[in-house]
Amino acid sequence: MNYDEIMKRLNELANPESVKGMARYGINPNNNYGVSIYQLRPIAQEIGKNHDLALKLWASKIHDARLLACFIDDPSKVTGEQMDSWAKDFDSWDICDQACTSLFDLTYIAWDKVFEWAEKKQEFVKRGAFSLIAGLSVHDKESGDEKFEKLLPLIKRHSTDERNYVKKAVNWALRNIGKRNASLNKKAIKTAEEIQKIDSKTARWIASDAIKELTSEKIQKRFKNK
């Protein structure tokens, strides 16, 4: 399937009512056809990995095409320059999260970008740093606990960012580290308890929500059964 065929397919699947629904959940309605993830993923499987096509789809500026680009790009061919360029284009939490947890977290430079993007001012670029952590916590099977432990001070330092899309990603990152294994669970809970003492409404929310999940019977039972 080539670029023109894909764009025609997306146009055929366009759903204006779906766009309105997405907007209610904070997804940017601009240049958005309203094609769902459940429709895009089978198309991505049909296309297969194609780096050049992914770049072309991203350049279209169409929301749905950009999501598709995240699914078909080859992480082994993604450069730091591409990651920075795409991150500057993030205009919606779903684009940010799909890029970071379906593609960028599988690249050789993902860990470097976590620390780099965490210091950026742009809301969705900074969110990208913590979305990457959330993705790495699930998909990086090779890295040891020490690499994830080094992320906990970063999470603590940025736990006072009041912007909605940043604070939710910081919380997500902390929870996912804490769900990786029993040892990291204890360290993430300890970090959350430290965050809870910070004089910040945002920090207290991040901490309380993380502690609630990480100490839950469901999570603790998972570790006891291993």
Protein backbone atom coordinates (compact mmCIF):
# COMPACT_ATOMS: atom_id res chain seq x y z
CA MET A 1 0.00 0.00 0.00
CA ASN A 2 1.54 3.31 -1.06
CA TYR A 3 1.05 6.80 0.37
CA ASP A 4 -1.83 7.79 -1.92
CA GLU A 5 -3.67 4.54 -1.27
CA ILE A 6 -3.30 5.00 2.47
CA MET A 7 -4.57 8.56 2.42
CA LYS A 8 -7.53 7.47 0.31
CA ARG A 9 -8.26 4.71 2.83
CA LEU A 10 -8.13 7.16 5.73
CA ASN A 11 -10.47 9.52 3.92
CA GLU A 12 -12.93 6.69 3.38
CA LEU A 13 -12.83 5.87 7.09
CA ALA A 14 -13.29 9.50 8.17
CA ASN A 15 -15.82 9.93 10.97
CA PRO A 16 -16.70 13.52 11.94
CA GLU A 17 -18.73 12.34 14.94
CA SER A 18 -15.72 10.44 16.21
CA VAL A 19 -13.63 13.61 15.93
CA LYS A 20 -16.12 15.40 18.19
CA GLY A 21 -15.89 12.56 20.70
CA MET A 22 -12.10 12.63 20.64
CA ALA A 23 -12.12 16.37 21.26
CA ARG A 24 -14.09 15.80 24.46
CA TYR A 25 -11.20 13.64 25.67
CA GLY A 26 -8.60 16.27 24.90
CA ILE A 27 -7.53 14.96 21.49
CA ASN A 28 -6.83 17.73 18.99
CA PRO A 29 -9.63 17.79 16.38
CA ASN A 30 -7.59 19.75 13.83
CA ASN A 31 -6.54 17.77 10.74
CA ASN A 32 -8.20 14.77 12.34
CA TYR A 33 -10.30 12.31 10.34
CA GLY A 34 -11.52 10.48 13.44
CA VAL A 35 -10.16 7.05 12.47
CA SER A 36 -9.85 4.93 15.61
CA ILE A 37 -6.73 3.15 16.81
CA TYR A 38 -8.59 -0.15 16.33
CA GLN A 39 -8.97 0.68 12.64
CA LEU A 40 -5.42 1.98 12.24
CA ARG A 41 -3.59 -0.97 13.73
CA PRO A 42 -4.87 -3.53 11.16
CA ILE A 43 -3.88 -1.10 8.41
CA ALA A 44 -0.42 -0.86 9.97
CA GLN A 45 -0.13 -4.66 9.98
CA GLU A 46 -1.14 -4.72 6.33
CA ILE A 47 1.55 -2.16 5.46
CA GLY A 48 4.35 -3.61 7.59
CA LYS A 49 7.45 -1.70 8.69
CA ASN A 50 8.36 1.10 6.30
CA HIS A 51 10.53 3.96 7.54
CA ASP A 52 10.33 6.14 4.44
CA LEU A 53 6.57 5.82 4.23
CA ALA A 54 6.29 6.67 7.93
CA LEU A 55 8.22 9.90 7.37
CA LYS A 56 5.93 10.80 4.49
CA LEU A 57 2.79 10.08 6.52
CA TRP A 58 4.07 12.22 9.39
CA ALA A 59 4.81 15.07 6.99
CA SER A 60 1.15 15.07 5.90
CA LYS A 61 0.24 16.72 9.24
CA ILE A 62 -2.92 14.59 9.32
CA HIS A 63 -3.57 13.27 12.84
CA ASP A 64 -4.58 9.78 11.73
CA ALA A 65 -1.68 9.48 9.29
CA ARG A 66 0.74 10.48 12.05
CA LEU A 67 -0.62 7.79 14.33
CA LEU A 68 -0.18 5.29 11.53
CA ALA A 69 3.39 6.51 11.06
CA CYS A 70 4.12 5.63 14.69
CA PHE A 71 2.93 2.08 14.08
CA ILE A 72 4.80 1.36 10.84
CA ASP A 73 8.12 3.12 11.39
CA ASP A 74 11.20 0.96 11.94
CA PRO A 75 12.75 1.87 15.35
CA SER A 76 16.17 0.75 14.15
CA LYS A 77 16.11 3.54 11.56
CA VAL A 78 14.81 6.30 13.83
CA THR A 79 17.40 8.98 14.65
CA GLY A 80 17.61 11.45 17.50
CA GLU A 81 16.98 14.23 15.01
CA GLN A 82 13.75 12.57 13.89
CA MET A 83 12.62 12.12 17.48
CA ASP A 84 13.23 15.79 18.24
CA SER A 85 11.48 16.88 15.06
CA TRP A 86 8.41 14.75 15.71
CA ALA A 87 8.31 15.79 19.36
CA LYS A 88 8.12 19.45 18.34
CA ASP A 89 5.04 18.51 16.29
CA PHE A 90 3.23 16.85 19.21
CA ASP A 91 -0.09 18.65 19.52
CA SER A 92 -2.16 16.05 21.35
CA TRP A 93 -1.57 13.60 24.19
CA ASP A 94 -2.45 10.57 22.07
CA ILE A 95 0.08 11.39 19.35
CA CYS A 96 2.72 11.95 22.02
CA ASP A 97 1.95 8.69 23.80
CA GLN A 98 1.71 6.52 20.69
CA ALA A 99 4.99 7.88 19.33
CA CYS A 100 6.71 7.32 22.65
CA THR A 101 5.29 3.92 23.61
CA SER A 102 4.85 2.31 20.18
CA LEU A 103 8.07 3.51 18.53
CA PHE A 104 10.51 5.79 20.35
CA ASP A 105 10.87 3.57 23.42
CA LEU A 106 12.21 0.86 21.11
CA THR A 107 15.04 3.02 19.76
CA TYR A 108 18.69 3.02 20.85
CA ILE A 109 18.45 6.64 21.98
CA ALA A 110 15.27 6.44 24.07
CA TRP A 111 17.01 6.67 27.45
CA ASP A 112 18.95 9.76 26.41
CA LYS A 113 15.77 11.49 25.27
CA VAL A 114 14.09 10.88 28.63
CA PHE A 115 16.59 13.12 30.41
CA GLU A 116 16.79 15.63 27.56
CA TRP A 117 13.05 16.09 27.06
CA ALA A 118 12.28 16.23 30.77
CA GLU A 119 13.94 19.65 30.86
CA LYS A 120 12.03 21.05 27.88
CA LYS A 121 9.40 23.74 28.39
CA GLN A 122 6.91 22.56 25.76
CA GLU A 123 4.12 20.63 27.50
CA PHE A 124 3.89 17.72 25.09
CA VAL A 125 7.66 17.37 24.65
CA LYS A 126 8.05 17.18 28.42
CA ARG A 127 5.15 14.74 28.58
CA GLY A 128 7.08 12.72 26.01
CA ALA A 129 9.93 12.19 28.48
CA PHE A 130 7.62 10.54 30.99
CA SER A 131 5.64 8.67 28.35
CA LEU A 132 8.99 7.21 27.29
CA ILE A 133 9.61 6.07 30.85
CA ALA A 134 6.18 4.46 30.94
CA GLY A 135 6.93 2.67 27.68
CA LEU A 136 10.46 1.61 28.66
CA SER A 137 9.15 0.19 31.92
CA VAL A 138 7.03 -2.24 29.92
CA HIS A 139 9.06 -2.88 26.77
CA ASP A 140 12.73 -2.72 27.83
CA LYS A 141 13.40 -6.28 28.95
CA GLU A 142 17.18 -5.90 28.93
CA SER A 143 17.87 -3.00 31.30
CA GLY A 144 18.44 -3.75 34.97
CA ASP A 145 16.75 -2.17 37.96
CA GLU A 146 19.55 0.35 38.46
CA LYS A 147 18.65 2.17 35.23
CA PHE A 148 15.05 2.57 36.35
CA GLU A 149 16.10 3.59 39.86
CA LYS A 150 17.98 6.52 38.32
CA LEU A 151 14.68 7.75 36.88
CA LEU A 152 12.99 8.09 40.27
CA PRO A 153 14.80 11.33 41.27
CA LEU A 154 13.85 12.75 37.87
CA ILE A 155 10.21 11.91 38.51
CA LYS A 156 10.38 13.46 41.97
CA ARG A 157 11.98 16.65 40.64
CA HIS A 158 9.27 17.19 38.05
CA SER A 159 6.33 16.17 40.23
CA THR A 160 5.37 19.79 40.86
CA ASP A 161 4.66 20.61 37.20
CA GLU A 162 1.00 21.62 37.34
CA ARG A 163 0.25 21.21 33.65
CA ASN A 164 -2.35 18.51 33.21
CA TYR A 165 -0.65 16.50 30.47
CA VAL A 166 2.71 16.60 32.24
CA LYS A 167 1.51 15.63 35.71
CA LYS A 168 -0.50 12.70 34.37
CA ALA A 169 2.53 11.39 32.50
CA VAL A 170 4.77 11.81 35.57
CA ASN A 171 2.25 9.76 37.53
CA TRP A 172 2.08 7.16 34.74
CA ALA A 173 5.87 6.85 34.68
CA LEU A 174 6.07 6.33 38.45
CA ARG A 175 3.31 3.72 38.43
CA ASN A 176 4.84 1.77 35.56
CA ILE A 177 8.26 1.61 37.18
CA GLY A 178 6.58 0.37 40.34
CA LYS A 179 4.81 -2.38 38.42
CA ARG A 180 7.99 -3.72 36.80
CA ASN A 181 9.01 -5.99 39.68
CA ALA A 182 8.86 -6.31 43.49
CA SER A 183 12.12 -4.47 44.14
CA LEU A 184 11.21 -1.49 41.97
CA ASN A 185 7.73 -1.54 43.47
CA LYS A 186 9.18 -0.83 46.92
CA LYS A 187 11.47 1.89 45.58
CA ALA A 188 8.66 3.55 43.62
CA ILE A 189 6.40 3.53 46.69
CA LYS A 190 9.21 5.09 48.73
CA THR A 191 9.65 7.78 46.08
CA ALA A 192 5.90 8.41 46.06
CA GLU A 193 5.96 8.83 49.84
CA GLU A 194 8.74 11.40 49.47
CA ILE A 195 6.78 13.21 46.76
CA GLN A 196 3.72 13.22 49.00
CA LYS A 197 5.59 15.43 51.49
CA ILE A 198 6.28 18.14 48.91
CA ASP A 199 4.23 21.30 49.40
CA SER A 200 2.43 20.99 46.07
CA LYS A 201 -1.13 19.93 45.27
CA THR A 202 0.09 18.38 42.02
CA ALA A 203 2.84 16.40 43.74
CA ARG A 204 0.44 15.12 46.38
CA TRP A 205 -2.01 13.97 43.69
CA ILE A 206 0.75 12.18 41.75
CA ALA A 207 1.96 10.47 44.91
CA SER A 208 -1.43 9.49 46.31
CA ASP A 209 -2.62 8.02 43.03
CA ALA A 210 0.61 6.06 42.57
CA ILE A 211 0.60 4.73 46.13
CA LYS A 212 -3.02 3.63 45.78
CA GLU A 213 -2.22 1.46 42.76
CA LEU A 214 1.24 0.25 43.75
CA THR A 215 0.10 -0.92 47.19
CA SER A 216 -3.13 -2.45 45.89
CA GLU A 217 -3.91 -6.10 46.50
CA LYS A 218 -3.87 -6.76 42.76
CA ILE A 219 -0.31 -5.49 42.26
CA GLN A 220 1.08 -6.98 45.46
CA LYS A 221 -0.48 -10.36 44.68
CA ARG A 222 1.21 -10.31 41.27
CA PHE A 223 4.64 -10.06 42.89
CA LYS A 224 3.90 -12.69 45.56
CA ASN A 225 2.93 -15.17 42.87
CA LYS A 226 6.27 -14.83 41.08
